[in-house]
Amino acid sequence: MYLSIKGIEKSFANEKKQVKVLDNISIDVDKGSFVSIVGPSGCGKSTLLYLIAGLEDANKGEIRVSGKKVTGPGPERVVVFQESGLFPWLTVLENVTYGLRLKKIPNKEAKEKAASILKMVHLSKYMDAYPHQLSGGMKQRVSIARALVMEPDILLMDEPFSALDEQTRMVLHKELLDIWKKTKVTIFFVTHNIREAVLLSEQVIVFATRPGKIKTVVSIPSTKDGIMPDSVTLHMEQRILSVLEEEIEKVLKEEMGDDYSFKTDRLHSADRSDMGSHI
């Protein structure tokens, strides 16, 4: 198995006691696949992503990539965060080539690689622009380009589109899928948005609430043309939401008291395009 996560447990110190965030997480991910994680707030989705990136250490268990144990950050695993994190004093081209310069890649080669990736994300005309001159969606495209130019084996994405408007998000969904098909990179995607997970992924891993555990794994049906009928999309969304309903209610009762009752029909009558973004 390409990405192997076995028996992962993670706790953090809180008010002189240990709070378990992840409990016995085991996942196998095939090379070149697109996997998403959804679950209630605080269930450890992002924590698991940081463990895969090598930015955090697990208390128990191990993570391996191509059989090699993850002991820290590595160039084969690159993270795209919710915020673009671009350097405001650098141009788009300079931001994208930054990592290549750290690797001592010759300037001409670095620029050629960056130009190719920027063309892929439709930002060739903005290579000399600065971040403050870009829209939110364009900044995220630069962030994705900066990650892809490093030619990672695994692209780790932590709610990269959550701050964007719905129209921009839809555009970036299509572009991300196009990039995935062209590059064959393995994508591990964390999101609160159920529809986003269904539209993008081959597989959706649903987490239970604190401490985070795998509640179920849902395989998303594929089509020859890559376009899923709305009826199938809605069915998959409702299937995942039905699994999450009990977990969401646990979180809301913790925050609002035991008298609170979660009603899924409120969601079903709402804007389905943003299903799950509240959790």
Protein backbone atom coordinates (compact mmCIF):
# COMPACT_ATOMS: atom_id res chain seq x y z
CA MET A 1 0.00 0.00 0.00
CA TYR A 2 1.35 3.42 -0.98
CA LEU A 3 0.23 5.48 2.04
CA SER A 4 -0.21 3.28 5.08
CA ILE A 5 -1.61 4.65 8.36
CA LYS A 6 -1.62 2.07 11.14
CA GLY A 7 -3.01 2.36 14.67
CA ILE A 8 -2.48 6.11 15.00
CA GLU A 9 -3.29 7.71 18.35
CA LYS A 10 -2.70 11.35 19.20
CA SER A 11 -3.25 13.32 22.40
CA PHE A 12 -2.63 16.91 23.42
CA ALA A 13 -2.06 18.36 26.89
CA ASN A 14 -4.97 20.49 28.09
CA GLU A 15 -5.23 21.94 31.60
CA LYS A 16 -2.72 19.46 33.00
CA LYS A 17 -4.41 16.44 31.43
CA GLN A 18 -4.11 14.56 28.17
CA VAL A 19 -6.98 14.93 25.71
CA LYS A 20 -7.12 12.20 23.08
CA VAL A 21 -7.76 13.62 19.59
CA LEU A 22 -7.28 10.51 17.44
CA ASP A 23 -7.95 6.93 18.49
CA ASN A 24 -6.70 3.89 16.56
CA ILE A 25 -6.79 5.35 13.04
CA SER A 26 -5.84 2.91 10.28
CA ILE A 27 -6.15 3.85 6.60
CA ASP A 28 -4.60 2.49 3.41
CA VAL A 29 -4.43 4.82 0.40
CA ASP A 30 -3.52 3.69 -3.12
CA LYS A 31 -1.04 5.68 -5.17
CA GLY A 32 -2.72 8.28 -7.38
CA SER A 33 -6.04 8.16 -5.53
CA PHE A 34 -8.15 11.07 -4.23
CA VAL A 35 -9.33 10.58 -0.65
CA SER A 36 -11.33 13.04 1.46
CA ILE A 37 -12.04 13.15 5.19
CA VAL A 38 -15.20 14.69 6.64
CA GLY A 39 -16.42 14.83 10.22
CA PRO A 40 -17.57 17.13 13.02
CA SER A 41 -15.39 20.02 14.17
CA GLY A 42 -12.64 18.91 16.50
CA CYS A 43 -12.62 15.26 15.41
CA GLY A 44 -8.95 15.37 14.39
CA LYS A 45 -9.17 15.60 10.59
CA SER A 46 -6.51 18.29 10.29
CA THR A 47 -4.41 16.68 13.01
CA LEU A 48 -4.20 13.49 10.94
CA LEU A 49 -3.16 15.52 7.89
CA TYR A 50 -0.37 17.18 9.91
CA LEU A 51 0.79 13.76 11.09
CA ILE A 52 1.03 12.57 7.48
CA ALA A 53 2.94 15.76 6.62
CA GLY A 54 5.36 15.09 9.46
CA LEU A 55 4.48 18.37 11.19
CA GLU A 56 3.24 16.50 14.29
CA ASP A 57 4.30 13.27 16.00
CA ALA A 58 1.84 10.53 16.91
CA ASN A 59 1.72 9.08 20.43
CA LYS A 60 1.17 5.62 19.01
CA GLY A 61 1.15 3.93 15.61
CA GLU A 62 3.04 4.73 12.43
CA ILE A 63 2.62 6.25 8.99
CA ARG A 64 4.54 4.96 5.98
CA VAL A 65 4.86 6.24 2.42
CA SER A 66 6.13 3.67 -0.09
CA GLY A 67 7.19 1.55 2.87
CA LYS A 68 9.28 4.32 4.45
CA LYS A 69 8.26 5.50 7.91
CA VAL A 70 7.32 9.18 8.21
CA THR A 71 9.54 10.80 10.86
CA GLY A 72 9.27 14.43 9.77
CA PRO A 73 8.47 16.72 6.83
CA GLY A 74 9.62 15.57 3.39
CA PRO A 75 9.53 16.91 -0.18
CA GLU A 76 7.30 14.03 -1.29
CA ARG A 77 4.51 15.37 0.99
CA VAL A 78 3.40 18.98 0.44
CA VAL A 79 0.61 20.80 2.30
CA VAL A 80 -1.88 23.33 0.91
CA PHE A 81 -3.48 25.18 3.83
CA GLN A 82 -6.77 27.05 4.13
CA GLU A 83 -4.90 30.34 3.90
CA SER A 84 -2.67 30.74 0.87
CA GLY A 85 0.34 31.83 2.95
CA LEU A 86 1.94 33.70 0.04
CA PHE A 87 4.83 36.08 0.64
CA PRO A 88 3.31 39.55 -0.01
CA TRP A 89 6.64 41.04 -1.10
CA LEU A 90 7.16 38.44 -3.84
CA THR A 91 5.46 38.22 -7.21
CA VAL A 92 3.39 35.21 -8.23
CA LEU A 93 6.35 33.77 -10.13
CA GLU A 94 8.72 34.39 -7.22
CA ASN A 95 6.31 32.74 -4.77
CA VAL A 96 6.03 29.65 -6.94
CA THR A 97 9.79 29.35 -7.50
CA TYR A 98 10.63 29.97 -3.82
CA GLY A 99 10.84 26.28 -2.88
CA LEU A 100 12.84 25.47 -5.99
CA ARG A 101 15.38 28.14 -5.12
CA LEU A 102 15.77 26.61 -1.66
CA LYS A 103 16.56 23.32 -3.42
CA LYS A 104 19.27 25.14 -5.43
CA ILE A 105 17.46 24.58 -8.73
CA PRO A 106 19.03 26.84 -11.39
CA ASN A 107 17.03 30.03 -11.92
CA LYS A 108 16.19 29.34 -15.57
CA GLU A 109 14.96 25.82 -14.83
CA ALA A 110 12.96 27.03 -11.82
CA LYS A 111 11.22 29.70 -13.90
CA GLU A 112 10.41 27.23 -16.66
CA LYS A 113 8.88 24.77 -14.19
CA ALA A 114 6.91 27.53 -12.49
CA ALA A 115 5.64 28.89 -15.80
CA SER A 116 4.42 25.43 -16.80
CA ILE A 117 2.52 24.96 -13.53
CA LEU A 118 1.07 28.49 -13.64
CA LYS A 119 -0.24 27.74 -17.11
CA MET A 120 -1.92 24.64 -15.71
CA VAL A 121 -3.77 26.73 -13.11
CA HIS A 122 -4.54 29.49 -15.65
CA LEU A 123 -2.37 32.20 -14.09
CA SER A 124 0.21 32.76 -16.84
CA LYS A 125 -0.92 36.36 -17.26
CA TYR A 126 -0.37 37.12 -13.58
CA MET A 127 3.22 35.95 -13.09
CA ASP A 128 4.42 39.47 -12.31
CA ALA A 129 1.49 40.37 -10.06
CA TYR A 130 1.72 40.61 -6.26
CA PRO A 131 -0.63 38.75 -3.89
CA HIS A 132 -2.57 41.90 -2.95
CA GLN A 133 -3.52 42.27 -6.61
CA LEU A 134 -5.16 38.81 -6.72
CA SER A 135 -8.59 37.54 -5.74
CA GLY A 136 -8.96 34.87 -3.04
CA GLY A 137 -9.42 32.14 -5.62
CA MET A 138 -6.36 33.26 -7.55
CA LYS A 139 -4.27 33.24 -4.37
CA GLN A 140 -5.30 29.64 -3.71
CA ARG A 141 -4.35 28.71 -7.28
CA VAL A 142 -0.89 30.20 -6.66
CA SER A 143 -0.68 28.19 -3.43
CA ILE A 144 -1.57 24.99 -5.31
CA ALA A 145 0.96 25.85 -8.03
CA ARG A 146 3.64 26.43 -5.40
CA ALA A 147 2.93 22.95 -4.03
CA LEU A 148 2.77 21.20 -7.39
CA VAL A 149 6.00 22.72 -8.70
CA MET A 150 7.83 20.70 -6.04
CA GLU A 151 6.53 17.53 -7.79
CA PRO A 152 5.21 15.89 -4.61
CA ASP A 153 3.95 12.34 -4.47
CA ILE A 154 1.22 13.32 -2.00
CA LEU A 155 -0.70 16.60 -1.97
CA LEU A 156 -2.17 17.24 1.48
CA MET A 157 -5.00 19.79 1.36
CA ASP A 158 -6.47 21.23 4.57
CA GLU A 159 -9.82 22.87 3.75
CA PRO A 160 -8.21 24.87 0.92
CA PHE A 161 -11.48 26.25 -0.48
CA SER A 162 -13.50 26.87 2.69
CA ALA A 163 -13.04 30.66 2.68
CA LEU A 164 -14.06 31.07 -0.97
CA ASP A 165 -17.44 31.94 -2.44
CA GLU A 166 -19.46 29.14 -4.03
CA GLN A 167 -18.80 30.18 -7.64
CA THR A 168 -15.03 30.37 -7.13
CA ARG A 169 -15.08 27.06 -5.28
CA MET A 170 -16.85 25.36 -8.20
CA VAL A 171 -14.22 26.64 -10.64
CA LEU A 172 -11.37 25.44 -8.43
CA HIS A 173 -13.02 22.05 -8.02
CA LYS A 174 -12.85 21.55 -11.77
CA GLU A 175 -9.28 22.79 -11.97
CA LEU A 176 -8.16 20.56 -9.10
CA LEU A 177 -9.71 17.50 -10.75
CA ASP A 178 -8.01 18.39 -14.05
CA ILE A 179 -4.66 18.76 -12.25
CA TRP A 180 -5.14 15.45 -10.44
CA LYS A 181 -5.85 13.63 -13.70
CA LYS A 182 -2.83 15.21 -15.42
CA THR A 183 -0.28 14.78 -12.64
CA LYS A 184 -1.52 11.48 -11.07
CA VAL A 185 -0.60 12.94 -7.67
CA THR A 186 -2.13 11.31 -4.59
CA ILE A 187 -4.49 13.77 -2.89
CA PHE A 188 -5.50 13.62 0.78
CA PHE A 189 -8.20 16.25 1.25
CA VAL A 190 -9.75 17.54 4.50
CA THR A 191 -13.09 19.34 4.26
CA HIS A 192 -16.23 20.18 6.24
CA ASN A 193 -18.28 20.31 3.05
CA ILE A 194 -19.95 17.01 2.22
CA ARG A 195 -20.82 17.92 -1.36
CA GLU A 196 -17.22 18.99 -1.99
CA ALA A 197 -15.99 15.62 -0.76
CA VAL A 198 -18.48 13.74 -2.94
CA LEU A 199 -17.73 15.75 -6.09
CA LEU A 200 -13.96 15.49 -5.78
CA SER A 201 -13.15 12.15 -4.22
CA GLU A 202 -12.96 8.50 -5.06
CA GLN A 203 -13.36 7.68 -1.40
CA VAL A 204 -14.74 9.61 1.59
CA ILE A 205 -13.62 8.69 5.11
CA VAL A 206 -16.17 9.75 7.73
CA PHE A 207 -14.80 10.51 11.19
CA ALA A 208 -16.72 10.19 14.45
CA THR A 209 -16.44 12.98 17.02
CA ARG A 210 -13.83 13.32 19.78
CA PRO A 211 -11.69 11.33 20.01
CA GLY A 212 -11.57 10.97 16.25
CA LYS A 213 -12.30 7.48 14.96
CA ILE A 214 -13.20 6.16 11.54
CA LYS A 215 -16.96 5.68 11.52
CA THR A 216 -17.25 4.48 7.94
CA VAL A 217 -15.62 4.67 4.50
CA VAL A 218 -17.79 5.54 1.51
CA SER A 219 -16.70 4.73 -2.05
CA ILE A 220 -17.89 7.29 -4.60
CA PRO A 221 -19.07 5.83 -7.93
CA SER A 222 -17.18 7.00 -10.99
CA THR A 223 -18.49 7.65 -14.50
CA LYS A 224 -16.74 7.42 -17.85
CA ASP A 225 -17.11 11.14 -18.54
CA GLY A 226 -16.41 12.15 -14.95
CA ILE A 227 -19.82 13.81 -14.57
CA MET A 228 -21.98 12.42 -11.78
CA PRO A 229 -25.77 12.82 -12.13
CA ASP A 230 -27.31 15.15 -9.54
CA SER A 231 -29.47 12.32 -8.24
CA VAL A 232 -26.39 10.20 -7.48
CA THR A 233 -24.57 13.15 -5.91
CA LEU A 234 -27.52 13.89 -3.63
CA HIS A 235 -27.85 10.22 -2.68
CA MET A 236 -24.17 10.06 -1.68
CA GLU A 237 -24.44 13.32 0.29
CA GLN A 238 -27.46 12.09 2.21
CA ARG A 239 -25.78 8.75 2.86
CA ILE A 240 -22.78 10.49 4.42
CA LEU A 241 -24.95 12.96 6.32
CA SER A 242 -27.03 10.13 7.78
CA VAL A 243 -23.81 8.60 9.12
CA LEU A 244 -22.73 11.95 10.56
CA GLU A 245 -26.09 12.87 12.09
CA GLU A 246 -25.44 11.22 15.45
CA GLU A 247 -21.93 12.68 15.64
CA ILE A 248 -23.10 16.21 14.79
CA GLU A 249 -25.78 15.99 17.47
CA LYS A 250 -23.16 14.96 20.05
CA VAL A 251 -21.10 18.06 19.25
CA LEU A 252 -24.11 20.40 19.27
CA LYS A 253 -25.38 19.04 22.59
CA GLU A 254 -21.96 19.65 24.11
CA GLU A 255 -22.13 23.25 22.94
CA MET A 256 -25.86 23.98 23.37
CA GLY A 257 -27.09 21.57 26.05
CA ASP A 258 -28.90 18.23 26.12
CA ASP A 259 -32.24 19.77 25.12
CA TYR A 260 -30.96 20.51 21.61
CA SER A 261 -32.19 18.17 18.88
CA PHE A 262 -30.54 18.05 15.46
CA LYS A 263 -32.97 17.80 12.53
CA THR A 264 -31.52 16.67 9.21
CA ASP A 265 -34.55 17.93 7.31
CA ARG A 266 -33.39 21.48 8.04
CA LEU A 267 -30.31 20.74 6.00
CA HIS A 268 -32.15 18.99 3.21
CA SER A 269 -34.33 22.03 2.65
CA ALA A 270 -31.32 24.33 2.68
CA ASP A 271 -28.83 25.04 -0.07
CA ARG A 272 -27.50 21.56 -0.86
CA SER A 273 -24.47 22.98 -2.63
CA ASP A 274 -22.97 23.83 0.77
CA MET A 275 -24.14 20.71 2.62
CA GLY A 276 -22.08 20.07 5.72
CA SER A 277 -20.18 23.35 5.77
CA HIS A 278 -21.63 24.14 9.21
CA ILE A 279 -20.11 21.12 10.96
